[in-house]
PDB file of N, CA and C in Angstrom:
ATOM      1  N   MET A   1     118.715 189.120  33.841  1.00  0.00           N
ATOM      2  CA  MET A   1     119.547 189.005  32.678  1.00  0.00           C
ATOM      3  C   MET A   1     120.989 188.990  33.143  1.00  0.00           C
ATOM      4  N   GLN A   2     121.864 188.538  32.237  1.00  0.00           N
ATOM      5  CA  GLN A   2     123.250 188.369  32.664  1.00  0.00           C
ATOM      6  C   GLN A   2     124.129 188.086  31.448  1.00  0.00           C
ATOM      7  N   VAL A   3     125.340 188.621  31.476  1.00  0.00           N
ATOM      8  CA  VAL A   3     126.380 188.218  30.525  1.00  0.00           C
ATOM      9  C   VAL A   3     127.211 187.201  31.289  1.00  0.00           C
ATOM     10  N   LYS A   4     126.936 185.932  31.114  1.00  0.00           N
ATOM     11  CA  LYS A   4     127.378 184.858  32.004  1.00  0.00           C
ATOM     12  C   LYS A   4     128.713 184.223  31.618  1.00  0.00           C
ATOM     13  N   GLU A   5     129.183 184.452  30.406  1.00  0.00           N
ATOM     14  CA  GLU A   5     130.294 183.656  29.890  1.00  0.00           C
ATOM     15  C   GLU A   5     131.549 183.642  30.757  1.00  0.00           C
ATOM     16  N   VAL A   6     131.916 184.760  31.397  1.00  0.00           N
ATOM     17  CA  VAL A   6     133.138 184.755  32.201  1.00  0.00           C
ATOM     18  C   VAL A   6     133.054 183.775  33.375  1.00  0.00           C
ATOM     19  N   ASP A   7     131.838 183.486  33.824  1.00  0.00           N
ATOM     20  CA  ASP A   7     131.681 182.518  34.914  1.00  0.00           C
ATOM     21  C   ASP A   7     132.029 181.097  34.491  1.00  0.00           C
ATOM     22  N   ILE A   8     132.003 180.825  33.201  1.00  0.00           N
ATOM     23  CA  ILE A   8     132.336 179.478  32.719  1.00  0.00           C
ATOM     24  C   ILE A   8     133.616 179.473  31.887  1.00  0.00           C
ATOM     25  N   GLY A   9     134.409 180.545  32.035  1.00  0.00           N
ATOM     26  CA  GLY A   9     135.717 180.586  31.401  1.00  0.00           C
ATOM     27  C   GLY A   9     135.719 180.921  29.921  1.00  0.00           C
ATOM     28  N   LEU A  10     134.705 181.632  29.460  1.00  0.00           N
ATOM     29  CA  LEU A  10     134.619 181.992  28.044  1.00  0.00           C
ATOM     30  C   LEU A  10     134.462 183.499  27.879  1.00  0.00           C
ATOM     31  N   ALA A  11     134.837 183.982  26.693  1.00  0.00           N
ATOM     32  CA  ALA A  11     134.459 185.336  26.296  1.00  0.00           C
ATOM     33  C   ALA A  11     133.146 185.206  25.525  1.00  0.00           C
ATOM     34  N   ALA A  12     132.258 186.168  25.685  1.00  0.00           N
ATOM     35  CA  ALA A  12     130.965 186.117  24.991  1.00  0.00           C
ATOM     36  C   ALA A  12     131.224 186.302  23.498  1.00  0.00           C
ATOM     37  N   ASP A  13     131.254 185.201  22.762  1.00  0.00           N
ATOM     38  CA  ASP A  13     131.706 185.261  21.374  1.00  0.00           C
ATOM     39  C   ASP A  13     130.615 185.113  20.332  1.00  0.00           C
ATOM     40  N   ILE A  14     129.351 185.208  20.732  1.00  0.00           N
ATOM     41  CA  ILE A  14     128.278 185.084  19.745  1.00  0.00           C
ATOM     42  C   ILE A  14     127.663 186.439  19.426  1.00  0.00           C
ATOM     43  N   GLY A  15     128.404 187.492  19.656  1.00  0.00           N
ATOM     44  CA  GLY A  15     127.961 188.825  19.289  1.00  0.00           C
ATOM     45  C   GLY A  15     127.658 189.752  20.444  1.00  0.00           C
ATOM     46  N   THR A  16     127.569 189.229  21.648  1.00  0.00           N
ATOM     47  CA  THR A  16     127.232 190.072  22.791  1.00  0.00           C
ATOM     48  C   THR A  16     128.245 191.193  22.959  1.00  0.00           C
ATOM     49  N   LEU A  17     129.533 190.849  22.994  1.00  0.00           N
ATOM     50  CA  LEU A  17     130.562 191.860  23.233  1.00  0.00           C
ATOM     51  C   LEU A  17     130.727 192.803  22.049  1.00  0.00           C
ATOM     52  N   SER A  18     130.361 192.359  20.864  1.00  0.00           N
ATOM     53  CA  SER A  18     130.426 193.217  19.677  1.00  0.00           C
ATOM     54  C   SER A  18     129.240 194.172  19.612  1.00  0.00           C
ATOM     55  N   ARG A  19     128.106 193.725  20.073  1.00  0.00           N
ATOM     56  CA  ARG A  19     126.879 194.517  19.949  1.00  0.00           C
ATOM     57  C   ARG A  19     126.663 195.501  21.094  1.00  0.00           C
ATOM     58  N   LEU A  20     126.952 195.120  22.320  1.00  0.00           N
ATOM     59  CA  LEU A  20     126.664 195.994  23.457  1.00  0.00           C
ATOM     60  C   LEU A  20     127.293 197.386  23.320  1.00  0.00           C
ATOM     61  N   PRO A  21     128.557 197.526  22.902  1.00  0.00           N
ATOM     62  CA  PRO A  21     129.132 198.874  22.794  1.00  0.00           C
ATOM     63  C   PRO A  21     128.457 199.755  21.742  1.00  0.00           C
ATOM     64  N   LYS A  22     127.706 199.167  20.839  1.00  0.00           N
ATOM     65  CA  LYS A  22     127.057 199.939  19.787  1.00  0.00           C
ATOM     66  C   LYS A  22     125.667 200.421  20.191  1.00  0.00           C
ATOM     67  N   LEU A  23     125.248 200.103  21.395  1.00  0.00           N
ATOM     68  CA  LEU A  23     123.903 200.456  21.835  1.00  0.00           C
ATOM     69  C   LEU A  23     123.828 201.799  22.539  1.00  0.00           C
ATOM     70  N   GLY A  24     124.945 202.483  22.658  1.00  0.00           N
ATOM     71  CA  GLY A  24     124.938 203.781  23.318  1.00  0.00           C
ATOM     72  C   GLY A  24     124.838 203.683  24.833  1.00  0.00           C
ATOM     73  N   ILE A  25     125.152 202.525  25.359  1.00  0.00           N
ATOM     74  CA  ILE A  25     125.141 202.289  26.799  1.00  0.00           C
ATOM     75  C   ILE A  25     126.535 202.600  27.336  1.00  0.00           C
ATOM     76  N   SER A  26     126.606 203.068  28.548  1.00  0.00           N
ATOM     77  CA  SER A  26     127.884 203.375  29.190  1.00  0.00           C
ATOM     78  C   SER A  26     128.844 202.185  29.106  1.00  0.00           C
ATOM     79  N   MET A  27     130.061 202.433  28.619  1.00  0.00           N
ATOM     80  CA  MET A  27     131.069 201.364  28.564  1.00  0.00           C
ATOM     81  C   MET A  27     131.425 200.892  29.963  1.00  0.00           C
ATOM     82  N   SER A  28     131.347 201.767  30.939  1.00  0.00           N
ATOM     83  CA  SER A  28     131.604 201.359  32.316  1.00  0.00           C
ATOM     84  C   SER A  28     130.595 200.293  32.738  1.00  0.00           C
ATOM     85  N   TRP A  29     129.315 200.526  32.440  1.00  0.00           N
ATOM     86  CA  TRP A  29     128.284 199.552  32.783  1.00  0.00           C
ATOM     87  C   TRP A  29     128.475 198.259  32.002  1.00  0.00           C
ATOM     88  N   ILE A  30     128.769 198.370  30.714  1.00  0.00           N
ATOM     89  CA  ILE A  30     128.973 197.180  29.874  1.00  0.00           C
ATOM     90  C   ILE A  30     130.126 196.340  30.413  1.00  0.00           C
ATOM     91  N   LYS A  31     131.247 196.978  30.723  1.00  0.00           N
ATOM     92  CA  LYS A  31     132.396 196.235  31.247  1.00  0.00           C
ATOM     93  C   LYS A  31     132.063 195.595  32.591  1.00  0.00           C
ATOM     94  N   HIS A  32     131.366 196.326  33.431  1.00  0.00           N
ATOM     95  CA  HIS A  32     130.972 195.759  34.721  1.00  0.00           C
ATOM     96  C   HIS A  32     130.114 194.506  34.507  1.00  0.00           C
ATOM     97  N   ALA A  33     129.102 194.617  33.646  1.00  0.00           N
ATOM     98  CA  ALA A  33     128.207 193.483  33.397  1.00  0.00           C
ATOM     99  C   ALA A  33     128.964 192.300  32.797  1.00  0.00           C
ATOM    100  N   ALA A  34     129.838 192.566  31.835  1.00  0.00           N
ATOM    101  CA  ALA A  34     130.540 191.485  31.135  1.00  0.00           C
ATOM    102  C   ALA A  34     131.653 190.862  31.969  1.00  0.00           C
ATOM    103  N   LEU A  35     132.338 191.658  32.764  1.00  0.00           N
ATOM    104  CA  LEU A  35     133.483 191.141  33.526  1.00  0.00           C
ATOM    105  C   LEU A  35     133.104 190.518  34.866  1.00  0.00           C
ATOM    106  N   THR A  36     131.970 190.929  35.421  1.00  0.00           N
ATOM    107  CA  THR A  36     131.567 190.374  36.720  1.00  0.00           C
ATOM    108  C   THR A  36     130.522 189.274  36.595  1.00  0.00           C
ATOM    109  N   ALA A  37     129.805 189.241  35.489  1.00  0.00           N
ATOM    110  CA  ALA A  37     128.703 188.292  35.266  1.00  0.00           C
ATOM    111  C   ALA A  37     127.608 188.446  36.310  1.00  0.00           C
ATOM    112  N   GLN A  38     127.522 189.623  36.939  1.00  0.00           N
ATOM    113  CA  GLN A  38     126.460 189.841  37.917  1.00  0.00           C
ATOM    114  C   GLN A  38     125.119 189.980  37.205  1.00  0.00           C
ATOM    115  N   PRO A  39     124.104 189.318  37.704  1.00  0.00           N
ATOM    116  CA  PRO A  39     122.783 189.447  37.091  1.00  0.00           C
ATOM    117  C   PRO A  39     122.216 190.860  37.274  1.00  0.00           C
ATOM    118  N   PHE A  40     121.382 191.266  36.346  1.00  0.00           N
ATOM    119  CA  PHE A  40     120.688 192.542  36.458  1.00  0.00           C
ATOM    120  C   PHE A  40     119.246 192.342  36.014  1.00  0.00           C
ATOM    121  N   GLY A  41     118.375 193.141  36.585  1.00  0.00           N
ATOM    122  CA  GLY A  41     116.946 192.983  36.319  1.00  0.00           C
ATOM    123  C   GLY A  41     116.418 193.964  35.295  1.00  0.00           C
ATOM    124  N   ALA A  42     115.132 193.893  35.111  1.00  0.00           N
ATOM    125  CA  ALA A  42     114.450 194.707  34.111  1.00  0.00           C
ATOM    126  C   ALA A  42     114.597 196.197  34.397  1.00  0.00           C
ATOM    127  N   GLU A  43     114.494 196.581  35.664  1.00  0.00           N
ATOM    128  CA  GLU A  43     114.584 198.008  35.996  1.00  0.00           C
ATOM    129  C   GLU A  43     115.964 198.573  35.665  1.00  0.00           C
ATOM    130  N   GLU A  44     117.021 197.794  35.929  1.00  0.00           N
ATOM    131  CA  GLU A  44     118.366 198.261  35.576  1.00  0.00           C
ATOM    132  C   GLU A  44     118.537 198.298  34.061  1.00  0.00           C
ATOM    133  N   ALA A  45     118.009 197.297  33.371  1.00  0.00           N
ATOM    134  CA  ALA A  45     118.080 197.292  31.907  1.00  0.00           C
ATOM    135  C   ALA A  45     117.385 198.524  31.337  1.00  0.00           C
ATOM    136  N   LEU A  46     116.290 198.929  31.942  1.00  0.00           N
ATOM    137  CA  LEU A  46     115.591 200.142  31.522  1.00  0.00           C
ATOM    138  C   LEU A  46     116.423 201.376  31.839  1.00  0.00           C
ATOM    139  N   ARG A  47     116.983 201.419  33.027  1.00  0.00           N
ATOM    140  CA  ARG A  47     117.776 202.577  33.464  1.00  0.00           C
ATOM    141  C   ARG A  47     118.966 202.841  32.554  1.00  0.00           C
ATOM    142  N   VAL A  48     119.645 201.778  32.108  1.00  0.00           N
ATOM    143  CA  VAL A  48     120.837 201.968  31.277  1.00  0.00           C
ATOM    144  C   VAL A  48     120.509 202.058  29.793  1.00  0.00           C
ATOM    145  N   GLY A  49     119.256 201.817  29.426  1.00  0.00           N
ATOM    146  CA  GLY A  49     118.867 201.937  28.028  1.00  0.00           C
ATOM    147  C   GLY A  49     118.947 200.663  27.222  1.00  0.00           C
ATOM    148  N   LEU A  50     119.073 199.532  27.889  1.00  0.00           N
ATOM    149  CA  LEU A  50     119.133 198.254  27.188  1.00  0.00           C
ATOM    150  C   LEU A  50     117.758 197.850  26.668  1.00  0.00           C
ATOM    151  N   VAL A  51     116.720 198.287  27.353  1.00  0.00           N
ATOM    152  CA  VAL A  51     115.340 198.062  26.915  1.00  0.00           C
ATOM    153  C   VAL A  51     114.620 199.405  26.930  1.00  0.00           C
ATOM    154  N   SER A  52     113.543 199.504  26.176  1.00  0.00           N
ATOM    155  CA  SER A  52     112.819 200.775  26.088  1.00  0.00           C
ATOM    156  C   SER A  52     111.595 200.833  26.988  1.00  0.00           C
ATOM    157  N   GLU A  53     111.183 199.692  27.508  1.00  0.00           N
ATOM    158  CA  GLU A  53     109.977 199.666  28.326  1.00  0.00           C
ATOM    159  C   GLU A  53     109.990 198.410  29.199  1.00  0.00           C
ATOM    160  N   VAL A  54     109.422 198.516  30.390  1.00  0.00           N
ATOM    161  CA  VAL A  54     109.283 197.373  31.291  1.00  0.00           C
ATOM    162  C   VAL A  54     107.830 197.319  31.731  1.00  0.00           C
ATOM    163  N   LEU A  55     107.251 196.146  31.633  1.00  0.00           N
ATOM    164  CA  LEU A  55     105.855 195.960  32.037  1.00  0.00           C
ATOM    165  C   LEU A  55     105.780 194.906  33.130  1.00  0.00           C
ATOM    166  N   PRO A  56     104.744 194.965  33.962  1.00  0.00           N
ATOM    167  CA  PRO A  56     104.695 194.101  35.143  1.00  0.00           C
ATOM    168  C   PRO A  56     104.485 192.615  34.879  1.00  0.00           C
ATOM    169  N   THR A  57     103.832 192.262  33.767  1.00  0.00           N
ATOM    170  CA  THR A  57     103.562 190.840  33.521  1.00  0.00           C
ATOM    171  C   THR A  57     103.899 190.468  32.077  1.00  0.00           C
ATOM    172  N   LYS A  58     104.070 189.179  31.867  1.00  0.00           N
ATOM    173  CA  LYS A  58     104.328 188.675  30.523  1.00  0.00           C
ATOM    174  C   LYS A  58     103.152 188.996  29.597  1.00  0.00           C
ATOM    175  N   ASP A  59     101.937 188.811  30.087  1.00  0.00           N
ATOM    176  CA  ASP A  59     100.752 189.095  29.266  1.00  0.00           C
ATOM    177  C   ASP A  59     100.717 190.556  28.825  1.00  0.00           C
ATOM    178  N   GLU A  60     101.042 191.463  29.750  1.00  0.00           N
ATOM    179  CA  GLU A  60     101.068 192.884  29.395  1.00  0.00           C
ATOM    180  C   GLU A  60     102.179 193.184  28.393  1.00  0.00           C
ATOM    181  N   ALA A  61     103.310 192.509  28.549  1.00  0.00           N
ATOM    182  CA  ALA A  61     104.423 192.712  27.614  1.00  0.00           C
ATOM    183  C   ALA A  61     104.057 192.220  26.217  1.00  0.00           C
ATOM    184  N   VAL A  62     103.412 191.070  26.145  1.00  0.00           N
ATOM    185  CA  VAL A  62     102.988 190.538  24.842  1.00  0.00           C
ATOM    186  C   VAL A  62     101.951 191.462  24.216  1.00  0.00           C
ATOM    187  N   LYS A  63     100.998 191.923  25.018  1.00  0.00           N
ATOM    188  CA  LYS A  63      99.974 192.839  24.512  1.00  0.00           C
ATOM    189  C   LYS A  63     100.621 194.114  23.968  1.00  0.00           C
ATOM    190  N   ARG A  64     101.569 194.656  24.710  1.00  0.00           N
ATOM    191  CA  ARG A  64     102.258 195.890  24.276  1.00  0.00           C
ATOM    192  C   ARG A  64     103.062 195.635  23.010  1.00  0.00           C
ATOM    193  N   ALA A  65     103.727 194.505  22.927  1.00  0.00           N
ATOM    194  CA  ALA A  65     104.504 194.171  21.726  1.00  0.00           C
ATOM    195  C   ALA A  65     103.598 194.089  20.503  1.00  0.00           C
ATOM    196  N   VAL A  66     102.436 193.488  20.669  1.00  0.00           N
ATOM    197  CA  VAL A  66     101.469 193.394  19.564  1.00  0.00           C
ATOM    198  C   VAL A  66     100.984 194.790  19.175  1.00  0.00           C
ATOM    199  N   GLU A  67     100.717 195.643  20.158  1.00  0.00           N
ATOM    200  CA  GLU A  67     100.290 197.019  19.870  1.00  0.00           C
ATOM    201  C   GLU A  67     101.340 197.757  19.053  1.00  0.00           C
ATOM    202  N   ILE A  68     102.600 197.631  19.461  1.00  0.00           N
ATOM    203  CA  ILE A  68     103.679 198.304  18.742  1.00  0.00           C
ATOM    204  C   ILE A  68     103.827 197.725  17.338  1.00  0.00           C
ATOM    205  N   ALA A  69     103.750 196.395  17.230  1.00  0.00           N
ATOM    206  CA  ALA A  69     103.858 195.757  15.914  1.00  0.00           C
ATOM    207  C   ALA A  69     102.741 196.226  14.990  1.00  0.00           C
ATOM    208  N   GLN A  70     101.515 196.341  15.534  1.00  0.00           N
ATOM    209  CA  GLN A  70     100.390 196.816  14.726  1.00  0.00           C
ATOM    210  C   GLN A  70     100.585 198.270  14.303  1.00  0.00           C
ATOM    211  N   LEU A  71     101.119 199.079  15.191  1.00  0.00           N
ATOM    212  CA  LEU A  71     101.382 200.473  14.861  1.00  0.00           C
ATOM    213  C   LEU A  71     102.413 200.581  13.736  1.00  0.00           C
ATOM    214  N   VAL A  72     103.508 199.837  13.865  1.00  0.00           N
ATOM    215  CA  VAL A  72     104.535 199.848  12.819  1.00  0.00           C
ATOM    216  C   VAL A  72     103.966 199.315  11.506  1.00  0.00           C
ATOM    217  N   ALA A  73     103.163 198.253  11.592  1.00  0.00           N
ATOM    218  CA  ALA A  73     102.572 197.650  10.391  1.00  0.00           C
ATOM    219  C   ALA A  73     101.597 198.597   9.692  1.00  0.00           C
ATOM    220  N   SER A  74     101.054 199.577  10.417  1.00  0.00           N
ATOM    221  CA  SER A  74     100.121 200.524   9.812  1.00  0.00           C
ATOM    222  C   SER A  74     100.833 201.599   8.995  1.00  0.00           C
ATOM    223  N   LYS A  75     102.146 201.663   9.094  1.00  0.00           N
ATOM    224  CA  LYS A  75     102.930 202.673   8.382  1.00  0.00           C
ATOM    225  C   LYS A  75     103.285 202.166   6.989  1.00  0.00           C
ATOM    226  N   SER A  76     103.789 203.063   6.179  1.00  0.00           N
ATOM    227  CA  SER A  76     104.233 202.689   4.841  1.00  0.00           C
ATOM    228  C   SER A  76     105.365 201.668   4.935  1.00  0.00           C
ATOM    229  N   PRO A  77     105.212 200.503   4.293  1.00  0.00           N
ATOM    230  CA  PRO A  77     106.294 199.505   4.334  1.00  0.00           C
ATOM    231  C   PRO A  77     107.616 200.039   3.775  1.00  0.00           C
ATOM    232  N   VAL A  78     107.538 200.849   2.749  1.00  0.00           N
ATOM    233  CA  VAL A  78     108.760 201.422   2.163  1.00  0.00           C
ATOM    234  C   VAL A  78     109.441 202.348   3.171  1.00  0.00           C
ATOM    235  N   ALA A  79     108.648 203.171   3.847  1.00  0.00           N
ATOM    236  CA  ALA A  79     109.213 204.086   4.842  1.00  0.00           C
ATOM    237  C   ALA A  79     109.800 203.326   6.024  1.00  0.00           C
ATOM    238  N   VAL A  80     109.108 202.294   6.483  1.00  0.00           N
ATOM    239  CA  VAL A  80     109.597 201.501   7.616  1.00  0.00           C
ATOM    240  C   VAL A  80     110.892 200.786   7.247  1.00  0.00           C
ATOM    241  N   GLN A  81     110.908 200.128   6.084  1.00  0.00           N
ATOM    242  CA  GLN A  81     112.117 199.409   5.658  1.00  0.00           C
ATOM    243  C   GLN A  81     113.280 200.364   5.432  1.00  0.00           C
ATOM    244  N   GLY A  82     113.005 201.514   4.816  1.00  0.00           N
ATOM    245  CA  GLY A  82     114.066 202.496   4.583  1.00  0.00           C
ATOM    246  C   GLY A  82     114.599 203.071   5.879  1.00  0.00           C
ATOM    247  N   THR A  83     113.701 203.382   6.812  1.00  0.00           N
ATOM    248  CA  THR A  83     114.116 203.922   8.104  1.00  0.00           C
ATOM    249  C   THR A  83     114.980 202.918   8.854  1.00  0.00           C
ATOM    250  N   LYS A  84     114.553 201.662   8.872  1.00  0.00           N
ATOM    251  CA  LYS A  84     115.327 200.627   9.556  1.00  0.00           C
ATOM    252  C   LYS A  84     116.705 200.473   8.913  1.00  0.00           C
ATOM    253  N   ALA A  85     116.767 200.457   7.593  1.00  0.00           N
ATOM    254  CA  ALA A  85     118.054 200.310   6.895  1.00  0.00           C
ATOM    255  C   ALA A  85     118.994 201.476   7.218  1.00  0.00           C
ATOM    256  N   ILE A  86     118.467 202.695   7.232  1.00  0.00           N
ATOM    257  CA  ILE A  86     119.304 203.865   7.534  1.00  0.00           C
ATOM    258  C   ILE A  86     119.784 203.827   8.980  1.00  0.00           C
ATOM    259  N   LEU A  87     118.894 203.483   9.904  1.00  0.00           N
ATOM    260  CA  LEU A  87     119.309 203.392  11.310  1.00  0.00           C
ATOM    261  C   LEU A  87     120.375 202.318  11.506  1.00  0.00           C
ATOM    262  N   ASP A  88     120.174 201.155  10.903  1.00  0.00           N
ATOM    263  CA  ASP A  88     121.164 200.071  11.016  1.00  0.00           C
ATOM    264  C   ASP A  88     122.499 200.484  10.407  1.00  0.00           C
ATOM    265  N   TYR A  89     122.479 201.126   9.257  1.00  0.00           N
ATOM    266  CA  TYR A  89     123.703 201.575   8.588  1.00  0.00           C
ATOM    267  C   TYR A  89     124.424 202.613   9.445  1.00  0.00           C
ATOM    268  N   SER A  90     123.650 203.499  10.065  1.00  0.00           N
ATOM    269  CA  SER A  90     124.232 204.608  10.816  1.00  0.00           C
ATOM    270  C   SER A  90     124.982 204.172  12.069  1.00  0.00           C
ATOM    271  N   VAL A  91     124.713 202.978  12.564  1.00  0.00           N
ATOM    272  CA  VAL A  91     125.424 202.484  13.748  1.00  0.00           C
ATOM    273  C   VAL A  91     126.927 202.426  13.495  1.00  0.00           C
ATOM    274  N   ASP A  92     127.318 202.025  12.298  1.00  0.00           N
ATOM    275  CA  ASP A  92     128.736 201.829  11.983  1.00  0.00           C
ATOM    276  C   ASP A  92     129.322 202.888  11.053  1.00  0.00           C
ATOM    277  N   HIS A  93     128.568 203.922  10.745  1.00  0.00           N
ATOM    278  CA  HIS A  93     129.032 204.939   9.789  1.00  0.00           C
ATOM    279  C   HIS A  93     128.764 206.341  10.309  1.00  0.00           C
ATOM    280  N   GLY A  94     129.567 207.267   9.858  1.00  0.00           N
ATOM    281  CA  GLY A  94     129.402 208.659  10.254  1.00  0.00           C
ATOM    282  C   GLY A  94     128.264 209.327   9.494  1.00  0.00           C
ATOM    283  N   VAL A  95     127.940 210.545   9.915  1.00  0.00           N
ATOM    284  CA  VAL A  95     126.849 211.294   9.289  1.00  0.00           C
ATOM    285  C   VAL A  95     127.128 211.521   7.809  1.00  0.00           C
ATOM    286  N   ALA A  96     128.356 211.894   7.452  1.00  0.00           N
ATOM    287  CA  ALA A  96     128.690 212.161   6.046  1.00  0.00           C
ATOM    288  C   ALA A  96     128.495 210.914   5.174  1.00  0.00           C
ATOM    289  N   ASP A  97     128.714 209.736   5.731  1.00  0.00           N
ATOM    290  CA  ASP A  97     128.533 208.499   4.966  1.00  0.00           C
ATOM    291  C   ASP A  97     127.070 208.258   4.613  1.00  0.00           C
ATOM    292  N   GLY A  98     126.163 208.804   5.407  1.00  0.00           N
ATOM    293  CA  GLY A  98     124.746 208.565   5.185  1.00  0.00           C
ATOM    294  C   GLY A  98     124.063 209.597   4.308  1.00  0.00           C
ATOM    295  N   GLU A  99     124.805 210.610   3.886  1.00  0.00           N
ATOM    296  CA  GLU A  99     124.188 211.665   3.065  1.00  0.00           C
ATOM    297  C   GLU A  99     124.207 211.294   1.601  1.00  0.00           C
TER     298      GLU A  99
END
């Protein structure tokens, strides 16, 4: 993976630079990735928290994604939608705003 835009003379303007700081990842790591355009692999993405899991093959990753999707789908749709909405809202708002 890579934030490649600086290599071609652009700032990442399709949301990458706006979204990465909101992921709770070290700003030092984000700036390094964005300013150097150095590629990074799955293990580093896992280490910094960009991904939650790394699997050895595409087939295993697809199987795991389906398992997670089925697990989420087995929950109350109202609870899942409400939880997602609150989590998304909380990224840009303080605790008092969510009460």
